[in-house]
N, C-alpha and C. Protein backbone atom coordinates (compact mmCIF):
# COMPACT_ATOMS: atom_id res chain seq x y z
N UNK A 1 340.65 120.38 75.93
CA UNK A 1 340.79 121.40 76.81
C UNK A 1 341.18 122.51 76.33
N UNK A 2 341.07 123.91 76.34
CA UNK A 2 341.38 124.79 75.89
C UNK A 2 342.20 125.59 76.77
N UNK A 3 343.28 126.03 76.23
CA UNK A 3 344.72 126.80 77.26
C UNK A 3 344.07 128.01 77.72
N UNK A 4 344.44 128.14 78.61
CA UNK A 4 343.99 129.83 78.98
C UNK A 4 345.20 130.66 78.61
N UNK A 5 344.72 131.46 77.58
CA UNK A 5 345.95 132.63 77.00
C UNK A 5 345.87 134.09 77.75
N UNK A 6 346.72 134.42 78.28
CA UNK A 6 346.70 135.90 78.62
C UNK A 6 346.68 136.59 77.78
N UNK A 7 345.50 137.90 78.81
CA UNK A 7 345.43 139.12 77.71
C UNK A 7 346.30 140.25 78.00
N UNK A 8 347.19 140.09 78.78
CA UNK A 8 348.24 140.92 78.92
C UNK A 8 349.34 140.37 78.44
N UNK A 9 350.04 141.26 77.93
CA UNK A 9 351.68 140.85 77.74
C UNK A 9 352.24 140.81 78.70
N UNK A 10 353.05 139.41 78.46
CA UNK A 10 353.99 138.81 79.41
C UNK A 10 355.32 139.33 79.27
N UNK A 11 356.72 139.21 80.24
CA UNK A 11 357.79 139.01 79.56
C UNK A 11 358.17 137.62 79.36
N UNK A 12 359.03 137.73 77.87
CA UNK A 12 359.48 136.23 77.62
C UNK A 12 360.83 136.08 77.27
N UNK A 13 361.38 134.81 77.41
CA UNK A 13 362.75 134.66 77.42
C UNK A 13 363.07 134.49 75.87
N UNK A 14 363.66 135.79 75.15
CA UNK A 14 364.12 135.55 73.57
C UNK A 14 364.66 134.09 73.31
N UNK A 15 365.46 133.69 74.12
CA UNK A 15 366.26 131.95 73.87
C UNK A 15 365.06 131.15 73.83
N UNK A 16 364.16 131.17 74.50
CA UNK A 16 362.70 130.18 74.62
C UNK A 16 362.18 130.28 73.27
N UNK A 17 362.23 131.44 72.88
CA UNK A 17 361.11 131.91 71.59
C UNK A 17 362.41 131.49 70.30
N UNK A 18 363.51 131.60 70.39
CA UNK A 18 364.49 131.17 69.36
C UNK A 18 364.83 129.66 69.19
N UNK A 19 364.29 129.10 70.31
CA UNK A 19 364.90 127.54 70.68
C UNK A 19 364.19 126.45 69.09
N UNK A 20 362.58 126.70 68.69
CA UNK A 20 362.36 125.81 68.15
C UNK A 20 362.96 126.12 66.62
N UNK A 21 363.26 127.42 65.97
CA UNK A 21 363.84 127.49 64.91
C UNK A 21 365.56 127.89 64.88
N UNK A 22 366.08 127.95 66.03
CA UNK A 22 367.51 128.42 66.29
C UNK A 22 367.68 129.67 65.60
N UNK A 23 366.71 130.89 65.61
CA UNK A 23 366.89 131.99 65.05
C UNK A 23 365.71 132.92 65.40
N UNK A 24 366.01 133.64 66.12
CA UNK A 24 365.11 134.61 67.09
C UNK A 24 364.23 135.03 65.49
N UNK A 25 365.15 135.69 64.69
CA UNK A 25 364.29 136.49 63.56
C UNK A 25 363.43 135.53 62.79
N UNK A 26 363.71 134.13 62.22
CA UNK A 26 362.96 133.15 62.04
C UNK A 26 361.69 133.01 62.85
N UNK A 27 361.86 132.98 64.13
CA UNK A 27 360.68 132.98 64.93
C UNK A 27 359.79 133.92 64.63
N UNK A 28 360.24 135.16 65.01
CA UNK A 28 359.33 136.36 64.75
C UNK A 28 358.88 136.37 63.45
N UNK A 29 359.27 136.18 62.64
CA UNK A 29 358.74 135.81 61.41
C UNK A 29 357.35 135.10 61.35
N UNK A 30 357.66 134.00 61.73
CA UNK A 30 356.56 132.92 62.27
C UNK A 30 355.46 133.41 62.94
N UNK A 31 355.82 133.84 64.26
CA UNK A 31 354.96 134.44 64.85
C UNK A 31 354.21 135.45 64.13
N UNK A 32 354.68 136.67 63.41
CA UNK A 32 353.90 137.86 62.78
C UNK A 32 352.93 136.89 61.71
N UNK A 33 353.24 136.12 61.03
CA UNK A 33 352.32 135.46 60.04
C UNK A 33 351.52 134.97 60.61
N UNK A 34 351.60 134.06 61.71
CA UNK A 34 350.67 133.48 62.62
C UNK A 34 349.31 134.18 62.89
N UNK A 35 349.78 135.63 63.93
CA UNK A 35 349.16 136.43 64.32
C UNK A 35 348.24 137.28 63.26
N UNK A 36 348.81 137.30 62.18
CA UNK A 36 348.16 138.09 60.98
C UNK A 36 347.10 137.32 60.37
N UNK A 37 347.20 135.57 60.58
CA UNK A 37 346.04 134.63 60.13
C UNK A 37 345.08 134.93 61.01
N UNK A 38 345.42 135.28 62.26
CA UNK A 38 344.52 134.73 63.42
C UNK A 38 343.67 136.40 63.37
N UNK A 39 344.15 137.53 62.87
CA UNK A 39 343.27 138.69 62.79
C UNK A 39 342.53 138.60 61.95
N UNK A 40 342.97 138.39 60.86
CA UNK A 40 342.08 138.19 59.70
C UNK A 40 340.81 137.14 59.95
N UNK A 41 340.96 136.14 60.46
CA UNK A 41 340.02 135.22 60.88
C UNK A 41 339.04 135.74 61.62
N UNK A 42 339.41 136.35 62.84
CA UNK A 42 338.80 136.90 63.59
C UNK A 42 337.71 138.14 62.81
N UNK A 43 338.74 139.02 62.06
CA UNK A 43 338.09 140.16 61.70
C UNK A 43 336.48 139.96 60.78
N UNK A 44 337.28 138.81 59.89
CA UNK A 44 336.14 137.93 59.04
C UNK A 44 334.87 137.53 60.06
N UNK A 45 335.03 136.83 60.92
CA UNK A 45 334.18 136.38 61.74
C UNK A 45 333.36 137.48 62.45
N UNK A 46 333.81 138.47 62.86
CA UNK A 46 333.25 139.57 63.57
C UNK A 46 332.29 140.25 62.56
N UNK A 47 332.71 140.63 61.25
CA UNK A 47 332.10 141.27 60.08
C UNK A 47 330.67 140.61 60.05
N UNK A 48 331.04 139.29 59.73
CA UNK A 48 329.91 138.07 59.71
C UNK A 48 328.69 138.35 60.28
N UNK A 49 329.16 138.45 61.89
CA UNK A 49 328.35 138.74 62.80
C UNK A 49 327.26 139.86 62.90
N UNK A 50 328.29 140.78 62.56
CA UNK A 50 327.28 142.38 62.61
C UNK A 50 326.88 142.72 61.28
N UNK A 51 326.99 141.85 60.39
CA UNK A 51 326.35 142.22 59.05
C UNK A 51 324.90 141.69 59.43
N UNK A 52 324.26 141.17 60.13
CA UNK A 52 323.08 140.69 60.67
C UNK A 52 322.36 141.97 61.34
N UNK A 53 323.21 142.82 61.54
CA UNK A 53 322.32 143.93 62.11
C UNK A 53 322.29 145.21 61.29
N UNK A 54 322.85 145.08 60.44
CA UNK A 54 323.22 146.06 58.97
C UNK A 54 321.91 146.42 58.29
N UNK A 55 321.46 147.76 58.36
CA UNK A 55 320.22 148.38 57.94
C UNK A 55 320.47 149.21 56.63
N UNK A 56 319.83 148.91 55.80
CA UNK A 56 320.09 149.73 54.37
C UNK A 56 319.72 151.00 54.45
N UNK A 57 319.15 151.36 55.54
CA UNK A 57 318.25 152.87 55.87
C UNK A 57 318.99 153.46 56.72
N UNK A 58 320.28 152.99 56.94
CA UNK A 58 321.19 153.59 58.37
C UNK A 58 322.05 154.64 57.42
N UNK A 59 322.23 155.82 57.75
CA UNK A 59 322.93 156.95 57.32
C UNK A 59 324.13 156.91 58.57
N UNK A 60 324.80 158.20 58.13
CA UNK A 60 326.45 158.30 59.01
C UNK A 60 325.42 159.30 60.54
N UNK A 61 324.12 159.92 59.93
CA UNK A 61 323.68 160.84 61.37
C UNK A 61 322.83 159.64 62.03
N UNK A 62 322.21 158.75 61.31
CA UNK A 62 321.25 157.86 62.12
C UNK A 62 321.91 156.14 62.33
N UNK A 63 322.48 155.99 63.35
CA UNK A 63 323.31 154.48 63.48
C UNK A 63 322.47 154.23 64.52
N UNK A 64 321.77 153.16 64.52
CA UNK A 64 321.21 152.39 65.60
C UNK A 64 322.03 151.38 66.43
N UNK A 65 322.03 151.32 67.59
CA UNK A 65 323.13 149.86 68.10
C UNK A 65 322.04 149.25 69.19
N UNK A 66 322.05 148.13 68.86
CA UNK A 66 321.09 147.33 69.89
C UNK A 66 322.11 146.62 70.77
N UNK A 67 321.61 146.18 71.75
CA UNK A 67 322.43 145.44 72.98
C UNK A 67 323.01 144.18 72.57
N UNK A 68 322.43 143.34 71.35
CA UNK A 68 322.98 142.26 70.86
C UNK A 68 324.38 142.80 70.18
N UNK A 69 324.32 143.75 69.23
CA UNK A 69 325.39 144.26 68.74
C UNK A 69 326.67 144.72 69.66
N UNK A 70 326.32 145.23 70.73
CA UNK A 70 327.29 145.78 71.65
C UNK A 70 327.93 144.79 72.32
N UNK A 71 327.10 143.48 72.76
CA UNK A 71 327.39 142.28 73.72
C UNK A 71 328.71 141.81 72.49
N UNK A 72 328.35 141.84 71.07
CA UNK A 72 329.37 140.97 70.42
C UNK A 72 330.74 141.59 70.17
N UNK A 73 330.76 143.16 70.36
CA UNK A 73 331.81 144.01 70.22
C UNK A 73 332.29 143.67 71.32
N UNK A 74 332.05 143.72 72.55
CA UNK A 74 332.25 143.71 73.93
C UNK A 74 333.35 142.38 74.09
N UNK A 75 332.36 140.97 73.34
CA UNK A 75 333.09 140.09 73.55
C UNK A 75 334.45 140.01 72.60
N UNK A 76 334.52 140.28 71.61
CA UNK A 76 335.86 140.35 70.81
C UNK A 76 336.82 141.25 71.34
N UNK A 77 336.37 142.27 71.93
CA UNK A 77 337.30 143.04 72.56
C UNK A 77 337.95 142.73 73.84
N UNK A 78 337.44 141.80 74.42
CA UNK A 78 337.63 141.15 75.49
C UNK A 78 338.84 139.80 75.19
N UNK A 79 339.07 139.56 74.16
CA UNK A 79 339.57 138.20 73.58
C UNK A 79 340.84 138.72 73.18
N UNK A 80 342.03 137.61 73.48
CA UNK A 80 343.39 137.95 73.67
C UNK A 80 343.95 138.56 72.48
N UNK A 81 344.76 139.27 72.10
CA UNK A 81 345.43 139.53 70.91
C UNK A 81 345.97 138.78 70.24
N UNK A 82 346.03 138.65 69.02
CA UNK A 82 346.32 137.65 67.98
C UNK A 82 348.00 137.47 68.32
N UNK A 83 348.69 138.37 68.50
CA UNK A 83 349.86 137.84 68.75
C UNK A 83 350.33 136.95 70.33
N UNK A 84 349.56 137.36 71.12
CA UNK A 84 349.78 136.26 72.24
C UNK A 84 349.08 135.05 71.83
N UNK A 85 347.94 135.03 71.13
CA UNK A 85 347.78 133.62 70.75
C UNK A 85 348.58 132.89 69.70
N UNK A 86 349.17 133.65 69.01
CA UNK A 86 350.21 133.14 67.97
C UNK A 86 351.38 132.54 68.98
N UNK A 87 351.88 133.38 69.92
CA UNK A 87 353.11 132.81 70.57
C UNK A 87 352.78 131.90 71.54
N UNK A 88 351.49 131.60 72.30
CA UNK A 88 351.30 130.41 73.04
C UNK A 88 350.87 129.49 72.08
N UNK A 89 350.44 129.27 70.69
CA UNK A 89 350.49 128.04 70.04
C UNK A 89 351.87 127.96 69.76
N UNK A 90 352.85 128.80 69.60
CA UNK A 90 354.04 128.61 69.02
C UNK A 90 355.02 127.76 70.16
N UNK A 91 354.63 128.32 71.43
CA UNK A 91 355.46 127.72 72.71
C UNK A 91 354.84 126.29 72.96
N UNK A 92 353.50 126.31 72.25
CA UNK A 92 352.92 124.60 72.92
C UNK A 92 353.21 123.75 71.61
N UNK A 93 354.19 124.17 70.35
CA UNK A 93 354.22 123.41 69.09
C UNK A 93 353.14 123.20 68.59
N UNK A 94 352.06 123.86 68.61
CA UNK A 94 350.99 123.51 67.54
C UNK A 94 350.79 124.58 66.29
N UNK A 95 352.35 125.52 65.84
CA UNK A 95 352.17 125.82 64.49
C UNK A 95 353.25 125.11 63.80
N UNK A 96 352.82 124.93 62.77
CA UNK A 96 353.62 124.16 61.55
C UNK A 96 353.89 125.12 60.87
N UNK A 97 355.26 124.85 60.39
CA UNK A 97 356.07 125.55 59.45
C UNK A 97 357.25 124.88 58.67
N UNK A 98 357.70 125.42 57.65
CA UNK A 98 358.54 124.95 56.79
C UNK A 98 359.33 125.95 56.22
N UNK A 99 360.61 125.63 55.58
CA UNK A 99 361.45 126.76 55.36
C UNK A 99 361.26 126.52 53.83
N UNK A 100 361.09 127.66 52.91
CA UNK A 100 361.06 127.36 51.65
C UNK A 100 362.67 127.04 51.12
N UNK A 101 362.40 126.24 50.33
CA UNK A 101 363.82 125.57 49.47
C UNK A 101 364.66 126.62 48.69
N UNK A 102 365.78 126.62 48.89
CA UNK A 102 366.36 127.74 47.69
C UNK A 102 367.07 127.03 46.67
N UNK A 103 366.69 127.34 45.47
CA UNK A 103 367.41 126.94 44.57
C UNK A 103 368.52 127.32 44.14
N UNK A 104 369.23 125.98 43.66
CA UNK A 104 370.74 125.79 43.42
C UNK A 104 370.78 126.88 42.21
N UNK A 105 371.93 127.94 42.38
CA UNK A 105 372.02 128.89 41.01
C UNK A 105 373.00 128.23 40.14
N UNK A 106 372.99 127.06 40.18
CA UNK A 106 373.87 126.46 39.29
C UNK A 106 373.51 126.19 37.70
């Protein structure tokens, strides 16, 4: 079952976001990196779907949009923002992260 992710921003308690890592800044970095991964994946998927409509004869003056292309674009516009998806995954414990080891300077 897929969790319902809000499409609007909601207020969150910073202590709840900081709790899994013990540091708000580390949590924000994790959320930022995950949101970026989600955005890149969505962009690749959208680009792949819209390539089917690409026409070599199209010029800047002659752009033809069909109903299917518009529907695909509208679908992606209605999706929750990548940052909201990342926060939801983080709250549910669905994101795996690890801290890079610091090498001893001895």
